[in-house]
Amino acid sequence: MFATTLETDHHTLPPLPTPPVADLRLLEEVAAATAGVSRLEMCIQCGTCGGSCPSSADMDHTPRQLFAMVRAGMRDEVLRSNTPWICVSCYHCVVRCPQGVHIADVMYTLKSMAIRVKLYADSTAPDFSQTFVDLVENYGRSFEFGLATRHYLKHFPLRLPGMAPKGLGMITRGRMDLTPHRIEGIDKFKAILARAKELEAAS
């Protein structure tokens, strides 16, 4: 018989472990945070996304596995996974998905959720992403030289000398600028971002 312990004719076994409580709201939460267009509920677990992903070998879970975990309500495991951070947003998976799931957009949502509750694994990726966002908000575009130098000075300063030849080559060939350039209409751009943040906070 099953109770708090498992009883047999000769032995009393220790209690069975309590299974983790599934957060069945997770799927709805992710879908809503992806502007309601994730189509995550349409995933048929075919694996096309993982087979198409150039970065899947470095992921803790393939997109297919991660989405199954979302459906199962495995909140902590999902938000600790490195999969969204390894995604390079090439959109190959999105193009090939037979169900039209907005896979890359879901990855952005999961990264945002992980940052919000500080559940992401020990990684420099969140800080890299925040540096990128700060630069875009300030200049209206990315500034590759500033992004690389800020990130490496903070996290990998000893690697900078080894990167100098490649950086110098990109600069001399006009592939990277030493100084940032703001877009025209930066004030309007910042106003749009501010309004978007207000709407996000209110949702």
N, C-alpha and C. Protein backbone atom coordinates (compact mmCIF):
# COMPACT_ATOMS: atom_id res chain seq x y z
N MET A 1 0.84 -1.19 0.00
CA MET A 1 0.00 0.00 0.00
C MET A 1 0.88 1.24 0.00
N PHE A 2 0.36 2.35 -0.55
CA PHE A 2 1.12 3.61 -0.60
C PHE A 2 0.55 4.57 0.44
N ALA A 3 1.42 5.10 1.26
CA ALA A 3 1.04 6.15 2.20
C ALA A 3 2.24 7.08 2.25
N THR A 4 2.60 7.49 3.46
CA THR A 4 3.82 8.30 3.53
C THR A 4 5.05 7.44 3.33
N THR A 5 4.90 6.13 3.51
CA THR A 5 5.99 5.20 3.26
C THR A 5 5.45 4.09 2.39
N LEU A 6 6.36 3.34 1.78
CA LEU A 6 5.99 2.20 0.96
C LEU A 6 6.26 0.95 1.79
N GLU A 7 5.20 0.20 2.13
CA GLU A 7 5.32 -0.96 3.00
C GLU A 7 5.40 -2.24 2.19
N THR A 8 6.28 -3.15 2.57
CA THR A 8 6.39 -4.46 1.96
C THR A 8 6.26 -5.51 3.05
N ASP A 9 6.38 -6.76 2.67
CA ASP A 9 6.25 -7.83 3.67
C ASP A 9 7.37 -7.78 4.70
N HIS A 10 8.52 -7.30 4.31
CA HIS A 10 9.67 -7.40 5.21
C HIS A 10 10.32 -6.06 5.54
N HIS A 11 10.06 -5.04 4.71
CA HIS A 11 10.76 -3.77 4.91
C HIS A 11 9.80 -2.59 4.80
N THR A 12 10.13 -1.54 5.45
CA THR A 12 9.43 -0.27 5.28
C THR A 12 10.40 0.70 4.60
N LEU A 13 10.09 1.05 3.36
CA LEU A 13 10.97 1.91 2.58
C LEU A 13 10.76 3.37 2.96
N PRO A 14 11.75 4.23 2.72
CA PRO A 14 11.60 5.66 3.04
C PRO A 14 10.52 6.30 2.18
N PRO A 15 10.01 7.45 2.61
CA PRO A 15 8.94 8.12 1.85
C PRO A 15 9.37 8.41 0.42
N LEU A 16 8.40 8.36 -0.47
CA LEU A 16 8.66 8.71 -1.86
C LEU A 16 8.91 10.21 -1.96
N PRO A 17 9.85 10.63 -2.80
CA PRO A 17 10.11 12.08 -2.92
C PRO A 17 8.90 12.81 -3.49
N THR A 18 8.70 14.01 -3.01
CA THR A 18 7.59 14.82 -3.50
C THR A 18 7.98 15.43 -4.84
N PRO A 19 7.19 15.20 -5.88
CA PRO A 19 7.54 15.76 -7.19
C PRO A 19 7.42 17.28 -7.16
N PRO A 20 8.24 17.97 -7.95
CA PRO A 20 8.15 19.44 -7.98
C PRO A 20 6.78 19.88 -8.49
N VAL A 21 6.31 20.99 -7.95
CA VAL A 21 5.01 21.50 -8.35
C VAL A 21 5.16 22.23 -9.69
N ALA A 22 4.39 21.80 -10.67
CA ALA A 22 4.46 22.41 -11.99
C ALA A 22 3.71 23.74 -12.00
N ASP A 23 4.29 24.72 -12.64
CA ASP A 23 3.65 26.02 -12.78
C ASP A 23 2.97 26.05 -14.14
N LEU A 24 1.72 25.61 -14.17
CA LEU A 24 1.02 25.47 -15.43
C LEU A 24 0.61 26.81 -16.03
N ARG A 25 0.89 27.90 -15.32
CA ARG A 25 0.62 29.23 -15.87
C ARG A 25 1.77 29.72 -16.75
N LEU A 26 2.87 29.00 -16.73
CA LEU A 26 4.07 29.48 -17.42
C LEU A 26 3.83 29.66 -18.91
N LEU A 27 3.17 28.71 -19.55
CA LEU A 27 2.92 28.81 -20.99
C LEU A 27 2.12 30.07 -21.32
N GLU A 28 1.06 30.33 -20.55
CA GLU A 28 0.24 31.52 -20.79
C GLU A 28 1.04 32.79 -20.53
N GLU A 29 1.89 32.76 -19.51
CA GLU A 29 2.69 33.93 -19.17
C GLU A 29 3.68 34.26 -20.28
N VAL A 30 4.34 33.23 -20.81
CA VAL A 30 5.31 33.44 -21.89
C VAL A 30 4.61 33.94 -23.14
N ALA A 31 3.46 33.34 -23.46
CA ALA A 31 2.71 33.75 -24.64
C ALA A 31 2.27 35.21 -24.54
N ALA A 32 1.78 35.60 -23.36
CA ALA A 32 1.31 36.97 -23.17
C ALA A 32 2.45 37.97 -23.24
N ALA A 33 3.61 37.58 -22.70
CA ALA A 33 4.77 38.48 -22.70
C ALA A 33 5.41 38.61 -24.08
N THR A 34 5.05 37.69 -24.98
CA THR A 34 5.58 37.76 -26.35
C THR A 34 4.54 38.43 -27.23
N ALA A 35 3.96 39.48 -26.72
CA ALA A 35 2.97 40.28 -27.45
C ALA A 35 1.81 39.43 -27.95
N GLY A 36 1.59 38.29 -27.30
CA GLY A 36 0.45 37.44 -27.65
C GLY A 36 0.58 36.73 -28.98
N VAL A 37 1.78 36.73 -29.58
CA VAL A 37 1.93 36.12 -30.91
C VAL A 37 2.97 35.00 -30.90
N SER A 38 3.23 34.40 -29.76
CA SER A 38 4.27 33.38 -29.70
C SER A 38 3.88 32.13 -30.47
N ARG A 39 2.58 31.79 -30.49
CA ARG A 39 2.08 30.54 -31.09
C ARG A 39 2.74 29.32 -30.45
N LEU A 40 3.25 29.49 -29.24
CA LEU A 40 3.96 28.41 -28.57
C LEU A 40 3.06 27.21 -28.33
N GLU A 41 1.76 27.49 -28.14
CA GLU A 41 0.82 26.40 -27.91
C GLU A 41 0.64 25.52 -29.14
N MET A 42 1.10 25.99 -30.30
CA MET A 42 0.97 25.23 -31.54
C MET A 42 2.15 24.29 -31.80
N CYS A 43 3.18 24.34 -30.95
CA CYS A 43 4.37 23.50 -31.13
C CYS A 43 3.98 22.02 -31.12
N ILE A 44 4.43 21.28 -32.14
CA ILE A 44 4.12 19.84 -32.24
C ILE A 44 5.34 18.98 -31.90
N GLN A 45 6.38 19.58 -31.36
CA GLN A 45 7.57 18.86 -30.92
C GLN A 45 8.22 18.06 -32.05
N CYS A 46 8.27 18.65 -33.24
CA CYS A 46 8.85 17.95 -34.39
C CYS A 46 10.37 18.00 -34.38
N GLY A 47 10.95 18.99 -33.70
CA GLY A 47 12.40 19.10 -33.62
C GLY A 47 13.05 19.83 -34.77
N THR A 48 12.25 20.40 -35.67
CA THR A 48 12.82 21.15 -36.79
C THR A 48 13.67 22.32 -36.31
N CYS A 49 13.25 22.95 -35.23
CA CYS A 49 13.99 24.11 -34.71
C CYS A 49 15.38 23.70 -34.25
N GLY A 50 15.47 22.64 -33.47
CA GLY A 50 16.76 22.18 -32.99
C GLY A 50 17.66 21.71 -34.11
N GLY A 51 17.06 21.04 -35.10
CA GLY A 51 17.84 20.57 -36.24
C GLY A 51 18.32 21.69 -37.13
N SER A 52 17.64 22.83 -37.08
CA SER A 52 18.01 23.97 -37.92
C SER A 52 18.96 24.93 -37.22
N CYS A 53 19.08 24.80 -35.91
CA CYS A 53 19.82 25.79 -35.11
C CYS A 53 21.33 25.58 -35.22
N PRO A 54 22.08 26.59 -35.62
CA PRO A 54 23.54 26.45 -35.71
C PRO A 54 24.22 26.45 -34.35
N SER A 55 23.48 26.79 -33.29
CA SER A 55 24.07 26.90 -31.96
C SER A 55 23.57 25.83 -31.00
N SER A 56 22.77 24.88 -31.47
CA SER A 56 22.13 23.93 -30.57
C SER A 56 23.12 23.08 -29.79
N ALA A 57 24.31 22.83 -30.37
CA ALA A 57 25.29 21.98 -29.69
C ALA A 57 25.78 22.62 -28.39
N ASP A 58 25.68 23.93 -28.27
CA ASP A 58 26.14 24.63 -27.08
C ASP A 58 25.01 24.92 -26.09
N MET A 59 23.80 24.51 -26.43
CA MET A 59 22.64 24.80 -25.58
C MET A 59 22.43 23.71 -24.53
N ASP A 60 21.96 24.13 -23.35
CA ASP A 60 21.56 23.15 -22.34
C ASP A 60 20.40 22.30 -22.85
N HIS A 61 19.49 22.93 -23.55
CA HIS A 61 18.31 22.25 -24.10
C HIS A 61 18.06 22.79 -25.50
N THR A 62 17.64 21.93 -26.41
CA THR A 62 17.25 22.42 -27.73
C THR A 62 15.98 23.24 -27.58
N PRO A 63 15.64 24.09 -28.54
CA PRO A 63 14.38 24.82 -28.43
C PRO A 63 13.18 23.89 -28.22
N ARG A 64 13.16 22.76 -28.90
CA ARG A 64 12.05 21.81 -28.73
C ARG A 64 11.96 21.36 -27.28
N GLN A 65 13.09 20.98 -26.69
CA GLN A 65 13.10 20.55 -25.29
C GLN A 65 12.66 21.68 -24.36
N LEU A 66 13.16 22.87 -24.63
CA LEU A 66 12.84 24.01 -23.77
C LEU A 66 11.34 24.31 -23.81
N PHE A 67 10.74 24.21 -24.99
CA PHE A 67 9.31 24.49 -25.11
C PHE A 67 8.48 23.41 -24.43
N ALA A 68 8.95 22.17 -24.45
CA ALA A 68 8.27 21.11 -23.71
C ALA A 68 8.34 21.39 -22.21
N MET A 69 9.46 21.92 -21.76
CA MET A 69 9.62 22.28 -20.35
C MET A 69 8.70 23.44 -19.97
N VAL A 70 8.53 24.39 -20.88
CA VAL A 70 7.59 25.50 -20.63
C VAL A 70 6.19 24.94 -20.46
N ARG A 71 5.79 24.05 -21.33
CA ARG A 71 4.46 23.45 -21.24
C ARG A 71 4.28 22.67 -19.94
N ALA A 72 5.37 22.04 -19.49
CA ALA A 72 5.30 21.25 -18.27
C ALA A 72 5.36 22.12 -17.02
N GLY A 73 5.55 23.42 -17.19
CA GLY A 73 5.56 24.33 -16.05
C GLY A 73 6.84 24.29 -15.25
N MET A 74 7.95 23.92 -15.88
CA MET A 74 9.23 23.82 -15.18
C MET A 74 9.92 25.19 -15.17
N ARG A 75 9.33 26.12 -14.43
CA ARG A 75 9.75 27.51 -14.47
C ARG A 75 11.24 27.69 -14.16
N ASP A 76 11.70 27.19 -13.03
CA ASP A 76 13.09 27.41 -12.64
C ASP A 76 14.06 26.83 -13.66
N GLU A 77 13.77 25.60 -14.11
CA GLU A 77 14.66 24.95 -15.07
C GLU A 77 14.71 25.73 -16.39
N VAL A 78 13.56 26.23 -16.81
CA VAL A 78 13.49 27.00 -18.06
C VAL A 78 14.30 28.28 -17.95
N LEU A 79 14.12 29.01 -16.86
CA LEU A 79 14.77 30.31 -16.72
C LEU A 79 16.26 30.20 -16.39
N ARG A 80 16.69 29.03 -15.92
CA ARG A 80 18.12 28.81 -15.66
C ARG A 80 18.85 28.28 -16.90
N SER A 81 18.11 27.85 -17.89
CA SER A 81 18.72 27.28 -19.09
C SER A 81 19.52 28.34 -19.85
N ASN A 82 20.62 27.92 -20.45
CA ASN A 82 21.41 28.87 -21.24
C ASN A 82 20.89 29.01 -22.67
N THR A 83 19.89 28.24 -23.02
CA THR A 83 19.41 28.21 -24.41
C THR A 83 19.05 29.59 -24.97
N PRO A 84 18.23 30.40 -24.27
CA PRO A 84 17.91 31.71 -24.83
C PRO A 84 19.13 32.60 -25.03
N TRP A 85 20.15 32.42 -24.19
CA TRP A 85 21.34 33.25 -24.27
C TRP A 85 22.26 32.81 -25.40
N ILE A 86 22.19 31.54 -25.78
CA ILE A 86 23.01 31.02 -26.87
C ILE A 86 22.38 31.35 -28.22
N CYS A 87 21.07 31.53 -28.25
CA CYS A 87 20.37 31.87 -29.49
C CYS A 87 20.96 33.14 -30.09
N VAL A 88 21.28 33.08 -31.39
CA VAL A 88 21.89 34.24 -32.07
C VAL A 88 20.88 34.99 -32.93
N SER A 89 19.61 34.65 -32.81
CA SER A 89 18.54 35.34 -33.54
C SER A 89 18.74 35.33 -35.04
N CYS A 90 19.17 34.19 -35.58
CA CYS A 90 19.32 34.08 -37.03
C CYS A 90 17.97 33.85 -37.71
N TYR A 91 16.96 33.44 -36.93
CA TYR A 91 15.59 33.22 -37.41
C TYR A 91 15.48 32.05 -38.39
N HIS A 92 16.50 31.21 -38.48
CA HIS A 92 16.42 30.03 -39.34
C HIS A 92 15.30 29.11 -38.85
N CYS A 93 15.21 28.97 -37.52
CA CYS A 93 14.18 28.10 -36.95
C CYS A 93 12.78 28.65 -37.24
N VAL A 94 12.64 29.97 -37.16
CA VAL A 94 11.33 30.59 -37.39
C VAL A 94 10.87 30.36 -38.82
N VAL A 95 11.80 30.51 -39.76
CA VAL A 95 11.46 30.32 -41.18
C VAL A 95 11.03 28.89 -41.46
N ARG A 96 11.66 27.93 -40.77
CA ARG A 96 11.41 26.52 -41.08
C ARG A 96 10.32 25.88 -40.23
N CYS A 97 9.88 26.54 -39.16
CA CYS A 97 8.88 25.94 -38.28
C CYS A 97 7.57 25.71 -39.02
N PRO A 98 7.07 24.46 -39.09
CA PRO A 98 5.83 24.20 -39.82
C PRO A 98 4.59 24.77 -39.16
N GLN A 99 4.71 25.14 -37.89
CA GLN A 99 3.57 25.68 -37.15
C GLN A 99 3.63 27.19 -36.98
N GLY A 100 4.66 27.80 -37.52
CA GLY A 100 4.77 29.26 -37.42
C GLY A 100 5.00 29.77 -36.01
N VAL A 101 5.65 28.96 -35.17
CA VAL A 101 5.96 29.41 -33.81
C VAL A 101 7.03 30.50 -33.88
N HIS A 102 6.84 31.57 -33.14
CA HIS A 102 7.79 32.69 -33.14
C HIS A 102 8.92 32.39 -32.15
N ILE A 103 9.76 31.45 -32.53
CA ILE A 103 10.76 30.88 -31.62
C ILE A 103 11.74 31.93 -31.11
N ALA A 104 12.31 32.71 -31.99
CA ALA A 104 13.30 33.71 -31.57
C ALA A 104 12.69 34.75 -30.64
N ASP A 105 11.44 35.13 -30.90
CA ASP A 105 10.77 36.10 -30.03
C ASP A 105 10.54 35.52 -28.64
N VAL A 106 10.21 34.22 -28.59
CA VAL A 106 10.04 33.55 -27.30
C VAL A 106 11.36 33.56 -26.52
N MET A 107 12.47 33.38 -27.23
CA MET A 107 13.78 33.41 -26.57
C MET A 107 14.03 34.76 -25.92
N TYR A 108 13.67 35.84 -26.61
CA TYR A 108 13.81 37.18 -26.03
C TYR A 108 12.96 37.31 -24.76
N THR A 109 11.76 36.77 -24.81
CA THR A 109 10.87 36.82 -23.65
C THR A 109 11.48 36.08 -22.47
N LEU A 110 12.01 34.89 -22.72
CA LEU A 110 12.59 34.09 -21.64
C LEU A 110 13.82 34.77 -21.04
N LYS A 111 14.61 35.43 -21.87
CA LYS A 111 15.76 36.17 -21.34
C LYS A 111 15.29 37.30 -20.42
N SER A 112 14.29 38.02 -20.86
CA SER A 112 13.76 39.12 -20.06
C SER A 112 13.22 38.61 -18.72
N MET A 113 12.50 37.49 -18.76
CA MET A 113 11.94 36.92 -17.53
C MET A 113 13.05 36.46 -16.60
N ALA A 114 14.10 35.84 -17.15
CA ALA A 114 15.20 35.35 -16.33
C ALA A 114 15.94 36.50 -15.65
N ILE A 115 16.13 37.59 -16.37
CA ILE A 115 16.79 38.76 -15.79
C ILE A 115 15.94 39.36 -14.68
N ARG A 116 14.64 39.42 -14.91
CA ARG A 116 13.74 40.05 -13.95
C ARG A 116 13.77 39.36 -12.59
N VAL A 117 13.83 38.02 -12.60
CA VAL A 117 13.80 37.27 -11.34
C VAL A 117 15.17 36.73 -10.95
N LYS A 118 16.21 37.13 -11.71
CA LYS A 118 17.59 36.74 -11.41
C LYS A 118 17.75 35.23 -11.30
N LEU A 119 17.20 34.51 -12.26
CA LEU A 119 17.30 33.05 -12.25
C LEU A 119 18.24 32.53 -13.33
N TYR A 120 18.83 33.42 -14.11
CA TYR A 120 19.72 32.94 -15.15
C TYR A 120 21.01 32.39 -14.53
N ALA A 121 21.64 31.45 -15.24
CA ALA A 121 22.88 30.86 -14.77
C ALA A 121 24.00 31.90 -14.78
N ASP A 122 25.07 31.59 -14.06
CA ASP A 122 26.21 32.50 -14.00
C ASP A 122 26.79 32.68 -15.40
N SER A 123 26.61 33.84 -15.96
CA SER A 123 27.00 34.08 -17.34
C SER A 123 27.20 35.57 -17.54
N THR A 124 28.02 35.92 -18.51
CA THR A 124 28.20 37.34 -18.85
C THR A 124 27.19 37.80 -19.88
N ALA A 125 26.39 36.86 -20.41
CA ALA A 125 25.45 37.21 -21.48
C ALA A 125 24.44 38.28 -21.07
N PRO A 126 23.83 38.20 -19.86
CA PRO A 126 22.88 39.26 -19.49
C PRO A 126 23.53 40.64 -19.44
N ASP A 127 24.76 40.71 -18.93
CA ASP A 127 25.45 41.99 -18.86
C ASP A 127 25.79 42.50 -20.27
N PHE A 128 26.18 41.59 -21.16
CA PHE A 128 26.46 41.96 -22.55
C PHE A 128 25.22 42.53 -23.20
N SER A 129 24.08 41.85 -22.96
CA SER A 129 22.82 42.31 -23.55
C SER A 129 22.44 43.68 -23.02
N GLN A 130 22.64 43.91 -21.71
CA GLN A 130 22.29 45.20 -21.13
C GLN A 130 23.19 46.31 -21.67
N THR A 131 24.47 46.01 -21.88
CA THR A 131 25.38 47.00 -22.47
C THR A 131 24.94 47.37 -23.87
N PHE A 132 24.53 46.36 -24.64
CA PHE A 132 24.04 46.60 -26.00
C PHE A 132 22.80 47.50 -25.97
N VAL A 133 21.87 47.19 -25.06
CA VAL A 133 20.64 47.98 -24.95
C VAL A 133 20.96 49.42 -24.57
N ASP A 134 21.88 49.60 -23.63
CA ASP A 134 22.26 50.95 -23.20
C ASP A 134 22.81 51.77 -24.38
N LEU A 135 23.63 51.13 -25.20
CA LEU A 135 24.21 51.83 -26.35
C LEU A 135 23.13 52.21 -27.37
N VAL A 136 22.23 51.28 -27.63
CA VAL A 136 21.16 51.55 -28.60
C VAL A 136 20.25 52.66 -28.09
N GLU A 137 19.94 52.64 -26.79
CA GLU A 137 19.08 53.69 -26.24
C GLU A 137 19.77 55.05 -26.29
N ASN A 138 21.07 55.08 -26.18
CA ASN A 138 21.81 56.34 -26.17
C ASN A 138 22.08 56.89 -27.57
N TYR A 139 22.37 55.98 -28.51
CA TYR A 139 22.76 56.42 -29.85
C TYR A 139 21.76 56.06 -30.94
N GLY A 140 20.81 55.19 -30.63
CA GLY A 140 19.85 54.77 -31.64
C GLY A 140 20.37 53.66 -32.53
N ARG A 141 21.56 53.19 -32.25
CA ARG A 141 22.18 52.13 -33.04
C ARG A 141 23.28 51.48 -32.20
N SER A 142 23.75 50.35 -32.64
CA SER A 142 24.85 49.69 -31.94
C SER A 142 26.17 50.42 -32.20
N PHE A 143 27.07 50.32 -31.26
CA PHE A 143 28.42 50.87 -31.40
C PHE A 143 29.38 49.74 -31.04
N GLU A 144 29.82 49.01 -32.06
CA GLU A 144 30.55 47.76 -31.86
C GLU A 144 31.83 47.93 -31.05
N PHE A 145 32.59 48.98 -31.35
CA PHE A 145 33.85 49.20 -30.64
C PHE A 145 33.59 49.42 -29.15
N GLY A 146 32.61 50.25 -28.84
CA GLY A 146 32.27 50.50 -27.44
C GLY A 146 31.71 49.27 -26.75
N LEU A 147 30.90 48.51 -27.47
CA LEU A 147 30.31 47.30 -26.90
C LEU A 147 31.39 46.29 -26.54
N ALA A 148 32.31 46.05 -27.46
CA ALA A 148 33.37 45.07 -27.22
C ALA A 148 34.31 45.50 -26.11
N THR A 149 34.75 46.76 -26.16
CA THR A 149 35.72 47.21 -25.16
C THR A 149 35.11 47.26 -23.76
N ARG A 150 33.89 47.73 -23.63
CA ARG A 150 33.25 47.76 -22.31
C ARG A 150 33.10 46.35 -21.74
N HIS A 151 32.63 45.45 -22.59
CA HIS A 151 32.38 44.09 -22.12
C HIS A 151 33.68 43.39 -21.72
N TYR A 152 34.69 43.49 -22.56
CA TYR A 152 35.93 42.78 -22.27
C TYR A 152 36.73 43.44 -21.15
N LEU A 153 36.67 44.75 -21.02
CA LEU A 153 37.34 45.40 -19.90
C LEU A 153 36.73 44.96 -18.57
N LYS A 154 35.43 44.74 -18.57
CA LYS A 154 34.75 44.36 -17.33
C LYS A 154 34.93 42.88 -17.00
N HIS A 155 34.87 42.02 -18.02
CA HIS A 155 34.84 40.58 -17.76
C HIS A 155 36.11 39.83 -18.18
N PHE A 156 36.75 40.25 -19.25
CA PHE A 156 37.91 39.51 -19.76
C PHE A 156 39.05 40.47 -20.14
N PRO A 157 39.54 41.28 -19.22
CA PRO A 157 40.54 42.29 -19.58
C PRO A 157 41.83 41.70 -20.17
N LEU A 158 42.20 40.51 -19.76
CA LEU A 158 43.44 39.92 -20.25
C LEU A 158 43.35 39.46 -21.70
N ARG A 159 42.13 39.38 -22.22
CA ARG A 159 41.96 38.96 -23.61
C ARG A 159 42.06 40.13 -24.59
N LEU A 160 41.97 41.34 -24.09
CA LEU A 160 41.95 42.51 -24.98
C LEU A 160 43.20 42.64 -25.85
N PRO A 161 44.42 42.46 -25.30
CA PRO A 161 45.59 42.59 -26.17
C PRO A 161 45.57 41.63 -27.36
N GLY A 162 45.07 40.43 -27.15
CA GLY A 162 45.02 39.46 -28.24
C GLY A 162 44.00 39.82 -29.30
N MET A 163 43.03 40.67 -28.95
CA MET A 163 42.00 41.07 -29.90
C MET A 163 42.42 42.31 -30.71
N ALA A 164 43.48 42.97 -30.28
CA ALA A 164 43.89 44.22 -30.91
C ALA A 164 44.14 44.10 -32.41
N PRO A 165 44.88 43.08 -32.89
CA PRO A 165 45.12 42.99 -34.34
C PRO A 165 43.84 42.89 -35.15
N LYS A 166 42.90 42.08 -34.68
CA LYS A 166 41.63 41.94 -35.41
C LYS A 166 40.86 43.26 -35.39
N GLY A 167 40.81 43.91 -34.23
CA GLY A 167 40.11 45.18 -34.13
C GLY A 167 40.73 46.25 -35.02
N LEU A 168 42.06 46.30 -35.04
CA LEU A 168 42.75 47.28 -35.88
C LEU A 168 42.47 47.03 -37.35
N GLY A 169 42.44 45.76 -37.73
CA GLY A 169 42.13 45.42 -39.12
C GLY A 169 40.75 45.87 -39.53
N MET A 170 39.77 45.70 -38.63
CA MET A 170 38.40 46.12 -38.93
C MET A 170 38.30 47.63 -39.04
N ILE A 171 39.04 48.33 -38.18
CA ILE A 171 39.01 49.80 -38.21
C ILE A 171 39.64 50.33 -39.50
N THR A 172 40.80 49.79 -39.87
CA THR A 172 41.50 50.29 -41.07
C THR A 172 40.73 49.97 -42.35
N ARG A 173 39.89 48.94 -42.31
CA ARG A 173 39.10 48.59 -43.49
C ARG A 173 37.71 49.21 -43.47
N GLY A 174 37.49 50.08 -42.50
CA GLY A 174 36.21 50.77 -42.43
C GLY A 174 35.05 49.91 -41.99
N ARG A 175 35.35 48.78 -41.33
CA ARG A 175 34.28 47.90 -40.87
C ARG A 175 33.84 48.21 -39.45
N MET A 176 34.56 49.08 -38.76
CA MET A 176 34.21 49.43 -37.39
C MET A 176 34.71 50.84 -37.11
N ASP A 177 33.88 51.64 -36.44
CA ASP A 177 34.22 53.03 -36.13
C ASP A 177 34.79 53.14 -34.71
N LEU A 178 35.70 54.08 -34.54
CA LEU A 178 36.27 54.34 -33.22
C LEU A 178 35.35 55.17 -32.35
N THR A 179 34.49 55.96 -32.98
CA THR A 179 33.58 56.83 -32.23
C THR A 179 32.13 56.51 -32.62
N PRO A 180 31.19 56.68 -31.69
CA PRO A 180 29.79 56.39 -31.99
C PRO A 180 29.14 57.49 -32.81
N HIS A 181 28.08 57.16 -33.49
CA HIS A 181 27.32 58.13 -34.29
C HIS A 181 25.84 58.00 -33.93
N ARG A 182 25.23 59.09 -33.52
CA ARG A 182 23.81 59.07 -33.19
C ARG A 182 22.97 59.15 -34.47
N ILE A 183 21.84 58.49 -34.43
CA ILE A 183 20.93 58.56 -35.57
C ILE A 183 20.21 59.91 -35.56
N GLU A 184 19.66 60.28 -36.69
CA GLU A 184 18.83 61.48 -36.74
C GLU A 184 17.53 61.20 -35.99
N GLY A 185 17.01 62.22 -35.34
CA GLY A 185 15.76 62.06 -34.61
C GLY A 185 15.91 61.21 -33.36
N ILE A 186 17.07 61.30 -32.70
CA ILE A 186 17.31 60.48 -31.52
C ILE A 186 16.31 60.78 -30.40
N ASP A 187 15.89 62.04 -30.28
CA ASP A 187 14.93 62.39 -29.23
C ASP A 187 13.59 61.70 -29.45
N LYS A 188 13.15 61.63 -30.70
CA LYS A 188 11.90 60.93 -31.00
C LYS A 188 12.04 59.44 -30.72
N PHE A 189 13.20 58.90 -31.06
CA PHE A 189 13.47 57.48 -30.81
C PHE A 189 13.42 57.18 -29.32
N LYS A 190 14.02 58.05 -28.51
CA LYS A 190 14.01 57.84 -27.06
C LYS A 190 12.59 57.96 -26.50
N ALA A 191 11.79 58.85 -27.08
CA ALA A 191 10.41 58.99 -26.64
C ALA A 191 9.61 57.72 -26.93
N ILE A 192 9.86 57.11 -28.08
CA ILE A 192 9.19 55.86 -28.43
C ILE A 192 9.57 54.76 -27.44
N LEU A 193 10.86 54.67 -27.11
CA LEU A 193 11.31 53.66 -26.16
C LEU A 193 10.70 53.89 -24.78
N ALA A 194 10.64 55.16 -24.37
CA ALA A 194 10.07 55.47 -23.06
C ALA A 194 8.60 55.07 -23.00
N ARG A 195 7.87 55.33 -24.08
CA ARG A 195 6.46 54.96 -24.13
C ARG A 195 6.30 53.44 -24.12
N ALA A 196 7.18 52.75 -24.82
CA ALA A 196 7.12 51.28 -24.85
C ALA A 196 7.35 50.71 -23.45
N LYS A 197 8.28 51.30 -22.71
CA LYS A 197 8.55 50.84 -21.35
C LYS A 197 7.35 51.09 -20.44
N GLU A 198 6.67 52.21 -20.65
CA GLU A 198 5.47 52.50 -19.86
C GLU A 198 4.39 51.46 -20.12
N LEU A 199 4.19 51.12 -21.39
CA LEU A 199 3.18 50.13 -21.75
C LEU A 199 3.54 48.76 -21.20
N GLU A 200 4.83 48.42 -21.23
CA GLU A 200 5.26 47.13 -20.71
C GLU A 200 5.03 47.05 -19.21
N ALA A 201 5.35 48.15 -18.51
CA ALA A 201 5.17 48.17 -17.06
C ALA A 201 3.70 48.09 -16.66
N ALA A 202 2.83 48.61 -17.52
CA ALA A 202 1.40 48.62 -17.21
C ALA A 202 0.73 47.29 -17.55
N SER A 203 1.38 46.47 -18.37
CA SER A 203 0.75 45.21 -18.81
C SER A 203 0.89 44.12 -17.76
